[in-house]
Protein backbone atom coordinates (compact mmCIF):
# COMPACT_ATOMS: atom_id res chain seq x y z
CA MET A 1 -14.74 9.80 -24.15
CA LYS A 2 -13.18 11.34 -20.38
CA ARG A 3 -11.79 9.96 -17.94
CA TYR A 4 -10.47 10.73 -14.37
CA TYR A 5 -6.92 10.52 -12.60
CA ARG A 6 -6.29 11.86 -9.60
CA ASP A 7 -9.25 14.22 -9.78
CA ASN A 8 -8.49 15.68 -13.02
CA ILE A 9 -10.46 14.76 -16.55
CA TYR A 10 -8.69 13.89 -19.58
CA GLU A 11 -9.47 13.60 -22.75
CA ILE A 12 -9.13 10.18 -24.66
CA PRO A 13 -9.64 8.97 -28.15
CA ASN A 14 -13.27 7.64 -28.70
CA ASP A 15 -11.93 5.31 -31.10
CA TRP A 16 -9.45 4.00 -28.55
CA PRO A 17 -11.06 0.01 -27.51
CA SER A 18 -10.09 0.67 -23.97
CA GLY A 19 -9.65 3.31 -21.37
CA PRO A 20 -7.31 4.14 -18.89
CA LYS A 21 -7.64 3.41 -15.39
CA SER A 22 -8.39 6.05 -12.50
CA SER A 23 -5.38 5.29 -10.16
CA PHE A 24 -2.45 3.67 -10.18
CA GLU A 25 -3.37 1.58 -8.54
CA ASP A 26 -6.03 0.28 -10.22
CA THR A 27 -4.30 0.31 -13.42
CA ILE A 28 -1.86 -2.57 -11.55
CA GLU A 29 -4.24 -4.56 -10.67
CA GLU A 30 -5.59 -4.51 -14.39
CA LEU A 31 -2.66 -5.27 -15.64
CA ALA A 32 -1.92 -8.13 -13.01
CA ASP A 33 -5.19 -9.53 -13.79
CA PHE A 34 -2.98 -11.17 -16.94
CA PRO A 35 -0.09 -13.90 -16.83
CA LYS A 36 3.15 -13.13 -15.51
CA GLU A 37 5.63 -11.94 -18.15
CA THR A 38 2.67 -10.66 -20.26
CA LYS A 39 3.70 -8.02 -22.64
CA PHE A 40 1.94 -5.31 -23.57
CA TYR A 41 2.49 -3.80 -26.91
CA LYS A 42 2.52 -0.03 -28.27
CA ILE A 43 -0.09 0.41 -30.32
CA GLU A 44 -0.78 4.58 -30.24
CA SER A 45 0.19 7.15 -27.47
CA ASN A 46 -0.87 10.88 -26.95
CA ASN A 47 0.68 13.56 -24.41
CA VAL A 48 -2.17 11.63 -21.72
CA ALA A 49 -2.49 8.49 -22.07
CA THR A 50 -1.05 5.08 -24.79
CA LEU A 51 -2.71 2.72 -26.10
CA PHE A 52 -1.75 -1.45 -25.65
CA SER A 53 -2.08 -4.88 -27.11
CA VAL A 54 -1.83 -7.72 -24.76
CA ASP A 55 0.55 -10.31 -25.61
CA GLN A 56 0.25 -9.62 -29.50
CA VAL A 57 0.79 -7.29 -31.32
CA LEU A 58 -2.41 -5.74 -33.08
CA PRO A 59 -4.11 -2.91 -34.72
CA LYS A 60 -6.23 -0.60 -31.99
CA MET A 61 -9.47 -2.02 -34.06
CA HIS A 62 -9.17 -5.45 -34.16
CA SER A 63 -11.99 -6.68 -32.96
CA ALA A 64 -11.11 -10.53 -32.08
CA TYR A 65 -13.35 -11.91 -29.69
CA ASN A 66 -10.18 -13.05 -27.47
CA SER A 67 -7.87 -10.14 -28.14
CA PHE A 68 -7.60 -7.47 -25.60
CA PHE A 69 -6.38 -3.83 -24.79
CA VAL A 70 -5.59 -1.83 -21.94
CA ALA A 71 -5.12 2.07 -22.15
CA ILE A 72 -2.50 3.79 -19.44
CA PHE A 73 -2.31 7.65 -18.62
CA ASN A 74 1.10 8.33 -19.47
CA LYS A 75 1.74 9.57 -15.60
CA CYS A 76 0.84 6.10 -15.00
CA PHE A 77 4.21 5.09 -16.11
CA SER A 78 7.19 7.51 -13.49
CA GLU A 79 5.14 5.87 -10.89
CA GLY A 80 5.76 2.64 -12.20
CA VAL A 81 9.25 3.45 -12.63
CA GLN A 82 10.05 4.83 -9.62
CA LEU A 83 8.79 2.09 -7.29
CA ASN A 84 10.23 -0.45 -10.38
CA THR A 85 6.85 -1.95 -10.98
CA PHE A 86 7.24 -1.63 -15.09
CA THR A 87 10.30 -2.98 -17.18
CA ASP A 88 11.21 -2.65 -20.71
CA CYS A 89 10.71 0.94 -20.83
CA VAL A 90 12.38 4.02 -20.04
CA ILE A 91 11.55 7.28 -19.81
CA ASP A 92 13.99 10.20 -21.35
CA LYS A 93 12.77 14.00 -20.47
CA ASN A 94 9.02 12.80 -19.72
CA VAL A 95 8.86 10.83 -22.65
CA ILE A 96 8.03 7.26 -22.44
CA HIS A 97 10.04 4.68 -24.65
CA PHE A 98 9.66 0.96 -25.48
CA PRO A 99 13.26 -0.22 -26.61
CA LEU A 100 11.52 -3.55 -27.64
CA GLY A 101 7.51 -2.09 -28.68
CA TYR A 102 6.07 -3.34 -25.65
CA PHE A 103 6.69 -3.30 -21.83
CA ARG A 104 5.89 -6.15 -19.19
CA ILE A 105 5.08 -6.01 -14.90
CA THR A 106 7.26 -7.20 -12.68
CA ASP A 107 7.51 -8.63 -8.98
CA ASN A 108 6.97 -5.68 -7.45
CA GLY A 109 3.69 -4.66 -9.94
CA HIS A 110 2.42 -7.82 -9.11
CA ARG A 111 3.51 -7.27 -5.27
CA LEU A 112 2.13 -4.07 -5.34
CA SER A 113 -1.66 -5.16 -7.23
CA THR A 114 -2.27 -8.16 -4.23
CA LEU A 115 -1.31 -5.58 -1.35
CA SER A 116 -3.79 -2.89 -3.00
CA ARG A 117 -6.43 -5.68 -3.23
CA LEU A 118 -5.89 -6.56 0.40
CA THR A 119 -5.31 -3.10 1.99
CA LEU A 120 -9.28 -2.32 0.20
CA GLU A 121 -10.68 -2.13 3.54
CA MET A 122 -7.63 -1.20 5.67
CA THR A 123 -6.92 3.04 3.61
CA ILE A 124 -8.22 4.60 6.92
CA HIS A 125 -5.12 3.32 8.46
CA PRO A 126 -2.38 5.95 8.08
CA ILE A 127 0.24 3.27 8.96
CA ILE A 128 0.27 1.32 5.51
CA ASP A 129 1.38 4.61 4.12
CA GLU A 130 4.81 4.35 6.02
CA VAL A 131 5.44 1.06 4.73
CA TYR A 132 4.16 0.74 1.34
CA GLU A 133 7.64 0.94 -0.63
CA LEU A 134 9.16 -2.07 1.82
CA ILE A 135 6.09 -4.47 0.86
CA VAL A 136 5.81 -3.90 -2.49
CA PHE A 137 9.64 -4.41 -2.35
CA GLY A 138 9.08 -7.75 -0.92
CA LYS A 139 10.87 -6.53 2.20
CA TYR A 140 8.22 -7.89 4.33
CA ASP A 141 10.14 -8.24 7.90
CA THR A 142 11.40 -5.20 7.72
CA ALA A 143 7.61 -3.24 6.82
CA ILE A 144 6.72 -5.52 10.25
CA ARG A 145 9.16 -4.27 12.05
CA GLU A 146 9.43 -0.40 11.12
CA ALA A 147 5.50 -0.70 11.67
CA SER A 148 5.58 -1.87 14.93
CA VAL A 149 8.77 0.68 15.81
CA ARG A 150 6.44 3.26 15.02
CA LEU A 151 3.92 2.25 17.24
CA GLU A 152 6.10 1.83 20.22
CA ASN A 153 7.69 5.08 19.95
CA ARG A 154 4.23 6.31 19.69
CA ILE A 155 3.29 5.07 22.85
CA ARG A 156 6.58 6.41 24.00
CA VAL A 157 5.44 9.66 23.19
CA LEU A 158 2.26 9.59 24.37
CA CYS A 159 3.20 8.75 28.02
CA SER A 160 6.31 10.99 27.98
CA ALA A 161 8.34 7.71 28.62
CA SER A 162 11.49 7.60 28.86
CA ASP A 163 13.62 6.40 25.71
CA LYS A 164 15.04 3.19 27.96
CA LEU A 165 11.74 2.37 28.14
CA PHE A 166 10.55 -0.36 26.26
CA GLY A 167 8.20 -3.40 25.15
CA ILE A 168 6.28 -5.02 27.91
CA ASN A 169 7.80 -2.72 30.11
CA LEU A 170 6.48 0.38 28.33
CA ILE A 171 2.83 -1.35 28.37
CA LYS A 172 3.16 -1.45 31.69
CA GLU A 173 4.10 2.02 31.74
CA LEU A 174 0.63 2.64 28.78
CA PHE A 175 -1.97 1.14 31.50
CA LYS A 176 -0.49 2.67 33.88
CA ASN A 177 -1.47 6.25 32.98
CA ALA A 178 -5.11 5.34 31.21
CA PRO A 179 -7.61 6.78 32.12
CA VAL A 180 -10.53 4.74 33.35
CA THR A 181 -13.97 6.52 32.28
CA GLU A 182 -17.45 5.41 31.47
CA GLU A 183 -16.47 4.29 27.37
CA THR A 184 -13.01 3.14 28.72
CA HIS A 185 -14.13 0.86 31.86
CA GLU A 186 -11.54 -1.60 33.60
CA ILE A 187 -12.59 -4.49 31.68
CA HIS A 188 -12.48 -2.71 28.41
CA LEU A 189 -8.74 -1.58 29.61
CA LYS A 190 -7.96 -5.04 30.60
CA TYR A 191 -8.57 -6.18 27.32
CA GLN A 192 -6.95 -4.05 25.37
CA GLU A 193 -3.68 -4.48 28.23
CA LYS A 194 -4.02 -8.17 26.25
CA GLU A 195 -3.81 -7.29 22.77
CA PHE A 196 -0.80 -4.89 23.13
CA ARG A 197 1.05 -6.89 25.45
CA LYS A 198 0.02 -9.76 22.59
CA PHE A 199 1.12 -8.15 19.52
CA PHE A 200 4.95 -7.10 21.44
CA SER A 201 4.89 -10.86 22.57
CA TYR A 202 4.59 -12.01 19.11
CA VAL A 203 5.20 -9.89 17.14
CA ARG A 204 7.01 -6.49 17.99
CA ASN A 205 9.76 -9.34 19.79
CA LYS A 206 10.05 -11.36 16.85
CA PHE A 207 10.62 -9.11 14.02
CA ALA A 208 13.24 -6.78 16.38
CA HIS A 209 15.41 -9.31 16.98
CA ASN A 210 15.85 -11.87 13.94
CA VAL A 211 15.35 -12.11 10.58
CA VAL A 212 11.86 -13.42 9.86
CA ASN A 213 11.30 -14.79 5.96
CA THR A 214 7.43 -14.37 5.74
CA ASP A 215 4.73 -13.79 3.14
CA MET A 216 2.84 -10.97 1.73
CA ALA A 217 -0.57 -11.62 3.53
CA THR A 218 0.79 -12.77 6.88
CA THR A 219 2.65 -9.21 6.87
CA ILE A 220 -0.73 -7.37 5.76
CA CYS A 221 -2.45 -9.12 8.70
CA LEU A 222 0.30 -8.11 10.99
CA ILE A 223 0.07 -4.31 10.10
CA ALA A 224 -3.19 -4.30 10.15
CA LYS A 225 -3.30 -5.47 13.40
CA CYS A 226 -0.60 -2.94 14.24
CA SER A 227 -2.67 -0.36 12.88
CA THR A 228 -5.59 -1.28 14.48
CA LEU A 229 -3.62 -0.86 18.12
CA TYR A 230 -2.31 2.57 16.69
CA LEU A 231 -5.76 4.12 16.20
CA ASN A 232 -7.30 2.28 19.74
CA LEU A 233 -4.17 3.72 21.81
CA HIS A 234 -5.59 7.12 21.64
CA ALA A 235 -8.48 5.85 23.20
CA VAL A 236 -6.78 4.03 25.90
CA LEU A 237 -5.29 7.25 27.02
CA GLY A 238 -9.04 8.94 26.20
CA TYR A 239 -8.21 11.11 23.46
CA PRO A 240 -11.03 11.19 20.60
CA ARG A 241 -10.72 9.66 17.45
CA ASP A 242 -12.13 11.88 15.29
CA LYS A 243 -11.72 12.35 11.54
CA GLU A 244 -8.46 14.10 12.16
CA LEU A 245 -6.45 10.97 12.72
CA TYR A 246 -4.38 11.43 10.58
CA LYS A 247 -2.30 14.41 12.89
CA TYR A 248 -1.64 11.54 15.09
CA TYR A 249 0.76 9.30 12.61
CA LYS A 250 3.67 11.74 13.21
């Protein structure tokens, strides 16, 4: 059977009961479908992928209805080790070893799965890429703080504002420079100014000056809001919102 991974095609043995997913994120989501502490036992491996049975040692041709198998591209493990999403596996000279005969996914793995599912429709927002690892490692308030700083810094750059100008005063400077056009008429600008003031008052200020205990869902919602403001920022100042949005995230 043929399978894609990172836009490349690989040949997987036809007699495997399961094929690998086409991305690292999809792989983690599949593994996280099973309960925490599930053990994935190695059955067979080649230079492309590895086949595992779920929670029990089974031959690859086992056909019991309540048995499960997963196949994983070997390249996934290097990504997983870097993000600490896998445990009980070791990579030595690009060779994957399972000292106990199995591996498990960690809390980071379950967080990454949740992040992947929650951001499925948000992938157009590049700011997510900048705080991705912070969320996976459970550093939620740091992720929100970092996203807010990036938004604030971008406003400062586009307004050519002083480094000493921040917070609500920076928002005032932003909208003082906002042109009134057919697309950004006065009512629209007033609405956008309210949205920026609201985010800075209740999110940016709170996370800038405090250590805040929060959860993943709240984190994703707040970063999504920050991302939307980041994109709207360019429209407020009269810049086109085109397919090259990524160039604005510098």
